[in-house]
Amino acid sequence: GESDPGALLDRVLDDLRSWTGGRIRDDVALM
């Protein structure tokens, strides 16, 4: 539920790291 683009990217990346236990194995690009 973020409305700021930068904050949304930060939240998604934090959530993705949490989901993977910090083990992101592939490249991730967000815009």
Full PDB file with SEQRES, HELIX, SHEET, SSBOND, CRYST1, ORIGX, SCALE, CONECT and MASTER records, all heavy atoms in Angstrom:
SEQRES   1 A   31  GLY GLU SER ASP PRO GLY ALA LEU LEU ASP ARG VAL LEU          
SEQRES   2 A   31  ASP ASP LEU ARG SER TRP THR GLY GLY ARG ILE ARG ASP          
SEQRES   3 A   31  ASP VAL ALA LEU MET                                          
HELIX    1 AA1 PRO A    5  THR A   20  1                                  16    
CRYST1    1.000    1.000    1.000  90.00  90.00  90.00 P 1           1          
ORIGX1      1.000000  0.000000  0.000000        0.00000                         
ORIGX2      0.000000  1.000000  0.000000        0.00000                         
ORIGX3      0.000000  0.000000  1.000000        0.00000                         
SCALE1      1.000000  0.000000  0.000000        0.00000                         
SCALE2      0.000000  1.000000  0.000000        0.00000                         
SCALE3      0.000000  0.000000  1.000000        0.00000                         
ATOM      1  N   GLY A   1       0.753  -1.246   0.000  1.00  0.00           N  
ATOM      2  CA  GLY A   1       0.000   0.000   0.000  1.00  0.00           C  
ATOM      3  C   GLY A   1       0.783   1.296   0.000  1.00  0.00           C  
ATOM      4  O   GLY A   1       0.324   2.276   0.555  1.00  0.00           O  
ATOM      5  N   GLU A   2       1.952   1.329  -0.576  1.00  0.00           N  
ATOM      6  CA  GLU A   2       2.725   2.574  -0.673  1.00  0.00           C  
ATOM      7  C   GLU A   2       2.244   3.405  -1.848  1.00  0.00           C  
ATOM      8  O   GLU A   2       1.853   2.872  -2.878  1.00  0.00           O  
ATOM      9  CB  GLU A   2       4.213   2.271  -0.866  1.00  0.00           C  
ATOM     10  CG  GLU A   2       4.922   1.825   0.369  1.00  0.00           C  
ATOM     11  CD  GLU A   2       5.013   2.874   1.449  1.00  0.00           C  
ATOM     12  OE1 GLU A   2       4.876   4.075   1.160  1.00  0.00           O  
ATOM     13  OE2 GLU A   2       5.216   2.483   2.600  1.00  0.00           O  
ATOM     14  N   SER A   3       2.305   4.728  -1.706  1.00  0.00           N  
ATOM     15  CA  SER A   3       1.932   5.607  -2.813  1.00  0.00           C  
ATOM     16  C   SER A   3       3.139   6.340  -3.395  1.00  0.00           C  
ATOM     17  O   SER A   3       3.040   6.932  -4.450  1.00  0.00           O  
ATOM     18  CB  SER A   3       0.876   6.618  -2.367  1.00  0.00           C  
ATOM     19  OG  SER A   3       1.388   7.417  -1.326  1.00  0.00           O  
ATOM     20  N   ASP A   4       4.268   6.278  -2.705  1.00  0.00           N  
ATOM     21  CA  ASP A   4       5.498   6.910  -3.202  1.00  0.00           C  
ATOM     22  C   ASP A   4       6.319   5.861  -3.949  1.00  0.00           C  
ATOM     23  O   ASP A   4       6.575   4.772  -3.404  1.00  0.00           O  
ATOM     24  CB  ASP A   4       6.306   7.456  -2.028  1.00  0.00           C  
ATOM     25  CG  ASP A   4       7.643   8.003  -2.476  1.00  0.00           C  
ATOM     26  OD1 ASP A   4       7.656   9.069  -3.121  1.00  0.00           O  
ATOM     27  OD2 ASP A   4       8.665   7.339  -2.199  1.00  0.00           O  
ATOM     28  N   PRO A   5       6.731   6.141  -5.203  1.00  0.00           N  
ATOM     29  CA  PRO A   5       7.473   5.139  -5.982  1.00  0.00           C  
ATOM     30  C   PRO A   5       8.735   4.626  -5.283  1.00  0.00           C  
ATOM     31  O   PRO A   5       8.978   3.414  -5.254  1.00  0.00           O  
ATOM     32  CB  PRO A   5       7.810   5.860  -7.288  1.00  0.00           C  
ATOM     33  CG  PRO A   5       6.774   6.923  -7.417  1.00  0.00           C  
ATOM     34  CD  PRO A   5       6.465   7.345  -6.010  1.00  0.00           C  
ATOM     35  N   GLY A   6       9.527   5.518  -4.723  1.00  0.00           N  
ATOM     36  CA  GLY A   6      10.760   5.096  -4.053  1.00  0.00           C  
ATOM     37  C   GLY A   6      10.482   4.229  -2.842  1.00  0.00           C  
ATOM     38  O   GLY A   6      11.147   3.211  -2.618  1.00  0.00           O  
ATOM     39  N   ALA A   7       9.486   4.623  -2.053  1.00  0.00           N  
ATOM     40  CA  ALA A   7       9.115   3.840  -0.871  1.00  0.00           C  
ATOM     41  C   ALA A   7       8.561   2.482  -1.276  1.00  0.00           C  
ATOM     42  O   ALA A   7       8.824   1.471  -0.610  1.00  0.00           O  
ATOM     43  CB  ALA A   7       8.093   4.610  -0.035  1.00  0.00           C  
ATOM     44  N   LEU A   8       7.799   2.433  -2.365  1.00  0.00           N  
ATOM     45  CA  LEU A   8       7.279   1.159  -2.858  1.00  0.00           C  
ATOM     46  C   LEU A   8       8.421   0.212  -3.214  1.00  0.00           C  
ATOM     47  O   LEU A   8       8.417  -0.954  -2.830  1.00  0.00           O  
ATOM     48  CB  LEU A   8       6.373   1.366  -4.066  1.00  0.00           C  
ATOM     49  CG  LEU A   8       5.879   0.089  -4.744  1.00  0.00           C  
ATOM     50  CD1 LEU A   8       4.998  -0.712  -3.797  1.00  0.00           C  
ATOM     51  CD2 LEU A   8       5.140   0.413  -6.029  1.00  0.00           C  
ATOM     52  N   LEU A   9       9.422   0.716  -3.937  1.00  0.00           N  
ATOM     53  CA  LEU A   9      10.566  -0.119  -4.312  1.00  0.00           C  
ATOM     54  C   LEU A   9      11.288  -0.639  -3.075  1.00  0.00           C  
ATOM     55  O   LEU A   9      11.641  -1.822  -3.007  1.00  0.00           O  
ATOM     56  CB  LEU A   9      11.518   0.661  -5.211  1.00  0.00           C  
ATOM     57  CG  LEU A   9      10.967   1.066  -6.574  1.00  0.00           C  
ATOM     58  CD1 LEU A   9      11.989   1.925  -7.316  1.00  0.00           C  
ATOM     59  CD2 LEU A   9      10.566  -0.140  -7.397  1.00  0.00           C  
ATOM     60  N   ASP A  10      11.493   0.231  -2.089  1.00  0.00           N  
ATOM     61  CA  ASP A  10      12.156  -0.199  -0.852  1.00  0.00           C  
ATOM     62  C   ASP A  10      11.357  -1.283  -0.147  1.00  0.00           C  
ATOM     63  O   ASP A  10      11.915  -2.289   0.303  1.00  0.00           O  
ATOM     64  CB  ASP A  10      12.344   0.988   0.091  1.00  0.00           C  
ATOM     65  CG  ASP A  10      13.389   1.982  -0.391  1.00  0.00           C  
ATOM     66  OD1 ASP A  10      14.223   1.606  -1.243  1.00  0.00           O  
ATOM     67  OD2 ASP A  10      13.360   3.131   0.085  1.00  0.00           O  
ATOM     68  N   ARG A  11      10.042  -1.094  -0.057  1.00  0.00           N  
ATOM     69  CA  ARG A  11       9.186  -2.068   0.636  1.00  0.00           C  
ATOM     70  C   ARG A  11       9.160  -3.406  -0.094  1.00  0.00           C  
ATOM     71  O   ARG A  11       9.206  -4.464   0.536  1.00  0.00           O  
ATOM     72  CB  ARG A  11       7.763  -1.531   0.780  1.00  0.00           C  
ATOM     73  CG  ARG A  11       7.591  -0.316   1.669  1.00  0.00           C  
ATOM     74  CD  ARG A  11       7.480  -0.630   3.160  1.00  0.00           C  
ATOM     75  NE  ARG A  11       6.515  -1.643   3.510  1.00  0.00           N  
ATOM     76  CZ  ARG A  11       5.239  -1.429   3.797  1.00  0.00           C  
ATOM     77  NH1 ARG A  11       4.741  -0.213   3.746  1.00  0.00           N  
ATOM     78  NH2 ARG A  11       4.452  -2.428   4.133  1.00  0.00           N  
ATOM     79  N   VAL A  12       9.070  -3.373  -1.427  1.00  0.00           N  
ATOM     80  CA  VAL A  12       9.050  -4.620  -2.192  1.00  0.00           C  
ATOM     81  C   VAL A  12      10.373  -5.368  -2.021  1.00  0.00           C  
ATOM     82  O   VAL A  12      10.393  -6.573  -1.794  1.00  0.00           O  
ATOM     83  CB  VAL A  12       8.727  -4.375  -3.686  1.00  0.00           C  
ATOM     84  CG1 VAL A  12       8.939  -5.637  -4.505  1.00  0.00           C  
ATOM     85  CG2 VAL A  12       7.302  -3.865  -3.856  1.00  0.00           C  
ATOM     86  N   LEU A  13      11.491  -4.643  -2.125  1.00  0.00           N  
ATOM     87  CA  LEU A  13      12.792  -5.298  -1.949  1.00  0.00           C  
ATOM     88  C   LEU A  13      12.946  -5.875  -0.549  1.00  0.00           C  
ATOM     89  O   LEU A  13      13.450  -6.989  -0.380  1.00  0.00           O  
ATOM     90  CB  LEU A  13      13.924  -4.321  -2.256  1.00  0.00           C  
ATOM     91  CG  LEU A  13      14.211  -4.109  -3.728  1.00  0.00           C  
ATOM     92  CD1 LEU A  13      15.250  -2.994  -3.911  1.00  0.00           C  
ATOM     93  CD2 LEU A  13      14.689  -5.388  -4.395  1.00  0.00           C  
ATOM     94  N   ASP A  14      12.517  -5.131   0.469  1.00  0.00           N  
ATOM     95  CA  ASP A  14      12.581  -5.651   1.839  1.00  0.00           C  
ATOM     96  C   ASP A  14      11.725  -6.906   1.984  1.00  0.00           C  
ATOM     97  O   ASP A  14      12.141  -7.884   2.606  1.00  0.00           O  
ATOM     98  CB  ASP A  14      12.106  -4.592   2.841  1.00  0.00           C  
ATOM     99  CG  ASP A  14      13.100  -3.462   3.026  1.00  0.00           C  
ATOM    100  OD1 ASP A  14      14.269  -3.598   2.596  1.00  0.00           O  
ATOM    101  OD2 ASP A  14      12.703  -2.423   3.597  1.00  0.00           O  
ATOM    102  N   ASP A  15      10.518  -6.871   1.395  1.00  0.00           N  
ATOM    103  CA  ASP A  15       9.623  -8.014   1.475  1.00  0.00           C  
ATOM    104  C   ASP A  15      10.183  -9.216   0.715  1.00  0.00           C  
ATOM    105  O   ASP A  15      10.087 -10.354   1.171  1.00  0.00           O  
ATOM    106  CB  ASP A  15       8.235  -7.639   0.939  1.00  0.00           C  
ATOM    107  CG  ASP A  15       7.206  -8.702   1.225  1.00  0.00           C  
ATOM    108  OD1 ASP A  15       7.020  -9.048   2.421  1.00  0.00           O  
ATOM    109  OD2 ASP A  15       6.588  -9.206   0.271  1.00  0.00           O  
ATOM    110  N   LEU A  16      10.793  -8.943  -0.433  1.00  0.00           N  
ATOM    111  CA  LEU A  16      11.403 -10.012  -1.225  1.00  0.00           C  
ATOM    112  C   LEU A  16      12.561 -10.653  -0.466  1.00  0.00           C  
ATOM    113  O   LEU A  16      12.703 -11.879  -0.437  1.00  0.00           O  
ATOM    114  CB  LEU A  16      11.873  -9.452  -2.572  1.00  0.00           C  
ATOM    115  CG  LEU A  16      12.357 -10.442  -3.611  1.00  0.00           C  
ATOM    116  CD1 LEU A  16      11.255 -11.422  -3.986  1.00  0.00           C  
ATOM    117  CD2 LEU A  16      12.836  -9.703  -4.846  1.00  0.00           C  
ATOM    118  N   ARG A  17      13.377  -9.838   0.176  1.00  0.00           N  
ATOM    119  CA  ARG A  17      14.479 -10.379   0.983  1.00  0.00           C  
ATOM    120  C   ARG A  17      13.948 -11.218   2.146  1.00  0.00           C  
ATOM    121  O   ARG A  17      14.498 -12.268   2.477  1.00  0.00           O  
ATOM    122  CB  ARG A  17      15.356  -9.248   1.506  1.00  0.00           C  
ATOM    123  CG  ARG A  17      16.223  -8.625   0.449  1.00  0.00           C  
ATOM    124  CD  ARG A  17      17.182  -7.586   1.061  1.00  0.00           C  
ATOM    125  NE  ARG A  17      17.822  -6.837   0.020  1.00  0.00           N  
ATOM    126  CZ  ARG A  17      17.556  -5.574  -0.286  1.00  0.00           C  
ATOM    127  NH1 ARG A  17      16.657  -4.901   0.404  1.00  0.00           N  
ATOM    128  NH2 ARG A  17      18.194  -4.967  -1.258  1.00  0.00           N  
ATOM    129  N   SER A  18      12.867 -10.733   2.757  1.00  0.00           N  
ATOM    130  CA  SER A  18      12.252 -11.484   3.847  1.00  0.00           C  
ATOM    131  C   SER A  18      11.702 -12.822   3.341  1.00  0.00           C  
ATOM    132  O   SER A  18      11.894 -13.866   3.978  1.00  0.00           O  
ATOM    133  CB  SER A  18      11.126 -10.655   4.461  1.00  0.00           C  
ATOM    134  OG  SER A  18      10.436 -11.383   5.441  1.00  0.00           O  
ATOM    135  N   TRP A  19      11.029 -12.803   2.195  1.00  0.00           N  
ATOM    136  CA  TRP A  19      10.435 -14.010   1.599  1.00  0.00           C  
ATOM    137  C   TRP A  19      11.513 -15.070   1.316  1.00  0.00           C  
ATOM    138  O   TRP A  19      11.310 -16.251   1.557  1.00  0.00           O  
ATOM    139  CB  TRP A  19       9.713 -13.627   0.314  1.00  0.00           C  
ATOM    140  CG  TRP A  19       9.125 -14.781  -0.433  1.00  0.00           C  
ATOM    141  CD1 TRP A  19       9.689 -15.450  -1.480  1.00  0.00           C  
ATOM    142  CD2 TRP A  19       7.864 -15.418  -0.205  1.00  0.00           C  
ATOM    143  NE1 TRP A  19       8.864 -16.451  -1.915  1.00  0.00           N  
ATOM    144  CE2 TRP A  19       7.725 -16.453  -1.141  1.00  0.00           C  
ATOM    145  CE3 TRP A  19       6.837 -15.205   0.711  1.00  0.00           C  
ATOM    146  CZ2 TRP A  19       6.615 -17.275  -1.194  1.00  0.00           C  
ATOM    147  CZ3 TRP A  19       5.724 -16.019   0.652  1.00  0.00           C  
ATOM    148  CH2 TRP A  19       5.622 -17.043  -0.297  1.00  0.00           C  
ATOM    149  N   THR A  20      12.649 -14.612   0.801  1.00  0.00           N  
ATOM    150  CA  THR A  20      13.708 -15.542   0.398  1.00  0.00           C  
ATOM    151  C   THR A  20      14.699 -15.844   1.523  1.00  0.00           C  
ATOM    152  O   THR A  20      15.634 -16.611   1.319  1.00  0.00           O  
ATOM    153  CB  THR A  20      14.509 -14.981  -0.802  1.00  0.00           C  
ATOM    154  OG1 THR A  20      15.152 -13.766  -0.399  1.00  0.00           O  
ATOM    155  CG2 THR A  20      13.619 -14.749  -1.999  1.00  0.00           C  
ATOM    156  N   GLY A  21      14.507 -15.227   2.667  1.00  0.00           N  
ATOM    157  CA  GLY A  21      15.475 -15.407   3.752  1.00  0.00           C  
ATOM    158  C   GLY A  21      16.802 -14.752   3.420  1.00  0.00           C  
ATOM    159  O   GLY A  21      17.854 -15.178   3.886  1.00  0.00           O  
ATOM    160  N   GLY A  22      16.747 -13.707   2.580  1.00  0.00           N  
ATOM    161  CA  GLY A  22      17.958 -12.992   2.182  1.00  0.00           C  
ATOM    162  C   GLY A  22      18.759 -13.684   1.097  1.00  0.00           C  
ATOM    163  O   GLY A  22      19.872 -13.275   0.788  1.00  0.00           O  
ATOM    164  N   ARG A  23      18.209 -14.734   0.504  1.00  0.00           N  
ATOM    165  CA  ARG A  23      18.920 -15.520  -0.511  1.00  0.00           C  
ATOM    166  C   ARG A  23      18.299 -15.327  -1.889  1.00  0.00           C  
ATOM    167  O   ARG A  23      17.692 -16.232  -2.433  1.00  0.00           O  
ATOM    168  CB  ARG A  23      18.899 -17.007  -0.153  1.00  0.00           C  
ATOM    169  CG  ARG A  23      19.554 -17.329   1.166  1.00  0.00           C  
ATOM    170  CD  ARG A  23      19.177 -18.704   1.642  1.00  0.00           C  
ATOM    171  NE  ARG A  23      17.714 -18.709   1.811  1.00  0.00           N  
ATOM    172  CZ  ARG A  23      16.921 -19.678   1.413  1.00  0.00           C  
ATOM    173  NH1 ARG A  23      17.396 -20.755   0.882  1.00  0.00           N  
ATOM    174  NH2 ARG A  23      15.617 -19.599   1.570  1.00  0.00           N  
ATOM    175  N   ILE A  24      18.447 -14.156  -2.453  1.00  0.00           N  
ATOM    176  CA  ILE A  24      17.947 -13.910  -3.807  1.00  0.00           C  
ATOM    177  C   ILE A  24      18.979 -14.481  -4.775  1.00  0.00           C  
ATOM    178  O   ILE A  24      20.122 -14.052  -4.800  1.00  0.00           O  
ATOM    179  CB  ILE A  24      17.703 -12.406  -4.048  1.00  0.00           C  
ATOM    180  CG1 ILE A  24      16.646 -11.900  -3.069  1.00  0.00           C  
ATOM    181  CG2 ILE A  24      17.296 -12.156  -5.492  1.00  0.00           C  
ATOM    182  CD1 ILE A  24      16.428 -10.412  -3.111  1.00  0.00           C  
ATOM    183  N   ARG A  25      18.576 -15.463  -5.568  1.00  0.00           N  
ATOM    184  CA  ARG A  25      19.518 -16.203  -6.418  1.00  0.00           C  
ATOM    185  C   ARG A  25      19.603 -15.686  -7.856  1.00  0.00           C  
ATOM    186  O   ARG A  25      20.505 -16.041  -8.579  1.00  0.00           O  
ATOM    187  CB  ARG A  25      19.107 -17.678  -6.456  1.00  0.00           C  
ATOM    188  CG  ARG A  25      18.953 -18.292  -5.091  1.00  0.00           C  
ATOM    189  CD  ARG A  25      20.024 -19.305  -4.852  1.00  0.00           C  
ATOM    190  NE  ARG A  25      19.785 -20.015  -3.607  1.00  0.00           N  
ATOM    191  CZ  ARG A  25      20.598 -19.908  -2.575  1.00  0.00           C  
ATOM    192  NH1 ARG A  25      21.655 -19.159  -2.628  1.00  0.00           N  
ATOM    193  NH2 ARG A  25      20.341 -20.581  -1.470  1.00  0.00           N  
ATOM    194  N   ASP A  26      18.636 -14.892  -8.259  1.00  0.00           N  
ATOM    195  CA  ASP A  26      18.582 -14.384  -9.635  1.00  0.00           C  
ATOM    196  C   ASP A  26      18.636 -12.863  -9.589  1.00  0.00           C  
ATOM    197  O   ASP A  26      18.427 -12.257  -8.536  1.00  0.00           O  
ATOM    198  CB  ASP A  26      17.279 -14.867 -10.293  1.00  0.00           C  
ATOM    199  CG  ASP A  26      17.284 -14.730 -11.811  1.00  0.00           C  
ATOM    200  OD1 ASP A  26      18.282 -14.235 -12.374  1.00  0.00           O  
ATOM    201  OD2 ASP A  26      16.286 -15.112 -12.435  1.00  0.00           O  
ATOM    202  N   ASP A  27      18.912 -12.256 -10.743  1.00  0.00           N  
ATOM    203  CA  ASP A  27      18.897 -10.797 -10.790  1.00  0.00           C  
ATOM    204  C   ASP A  27      17.451 -10.314 -10.662  1.00  0.00           C  
ATOM    205  O   ASP A  27      16.527 -10.939 -11.143  1.00  0.00           O  
ATOM    206  CB  ASP A  27      19.524 -10.274 -12.076  1.00  0.00           C  
ATOM    207  CG  ASP A  27      18.804 -10.771 -13.318  1.00  0.00           C  
ATOM    208  OD1 ASP A  27      18.550 -11.983 -13.394  1.00  0.00           O  
ATOM    209  OD2 ASP A  27      18.483  -9.956 -14.188  1.00  0.00           O  
ATOM    210  N   VAL A  28      17.298  -9.203  -9.965  1.00  0.00           N  
ATOM    211  CA  VAL A  28      15.984  -8.599  -9.741  1.00  0.00           C  
ATOM    212  C   VAL A  28      16.060  -7.149 -10.195  1.00  0.00           C  
ATOM    213  O   VAL A  28      16.948  -6.411  -9.791  1.00  0.00           O  
ATOM    214  CB  VAL A  28      15.603  -8.657  -8.239  1.00  0.00           C  
ATOM    215  CG1 VAL A  28      14.364  -7.830  -7.961  1.00  0.00           C  
ATOM    216  CG2 VAL A  28      15.396 -10.096  -7.799  1.00  0.00           C  
ATOM    217  N   ALA A  29      15.132  -6.760 -11.059  1.00  0.00           N  
ATOM    218  CA  ALA A  29      15.031  -5.360 -11.477  1.00  0.00           C  
ATOM    219  C   ALA A  29      13.597  -4.905 -11.242  1.00  0.00           C  
ATOM    220  O   ALA A  29      12.646  -5.605 -11.590  1.00  0.00           O  
ATOM    221  CB  ALA A  29      15.399  -5.200 -12.948  1.00  0.00           C  
ATOM    222  N   LEU A  30      13.458  -3.751 -10.609  1.00  0.00           N  
ATOM    223  CA  LEU A  30      12.157  -3.160 -10.317  1.00  0.00           C  
ATOM    224  C   LEU A  30      12.150  -1.724 -10.802  1.00  0.00           C  
ATOM    225  O   LEU A  30      13.160  -1.021 -10.707  1.00  0.00           O  
ATOM    226  CB  LEU A  30      11.885  -3.157  -8.809  1.00  0.00           C  
ATOM    227  CG  LEU A  30      11.874  -4.484  -8.076  1.00  0.00           C  
ATOM    228  CD1 LEU A  30      11.957  -4.256  -6.586  1.00  0.00           C  
ATOM    229  CD2 LEU A  30      10.612  -5.240  -8.421  1.00  0.00           C  
ATOM    230  N   MET A  31      11.001  -1.275 -11.292  1.00  0.00           N  
ATOM    231  CA  MET A  31      10.833   0.115 -11.678  1.00  0.00           C  
ATOM    232  C   MET A  31       9.417   0.527 -11.284  1.00  0.00           C  
ATOM    233  O   MET A  31       8.455  -0.185 -11.590  1.00  0.00           O  
ATOM    234  CB  MET A  31      11.024   0.311 -13.183  1.00  0.00           C  
ATOM    235  CG  MET A  31      10.889   1.754 -13.607  1.00  0.00           C  
ATOM    236  SD  MET A  31      10.937   1.997 -15.405  1.00  0.00           S  
ATOM    237  CE  MET A  31      12.418   1.174 -15.872  1.00  0.00           C  
TER     238      MET A  31                                                      
MASTER        0    0    0    1    0    0    0    6  237    1    0    3          
END                                                                             
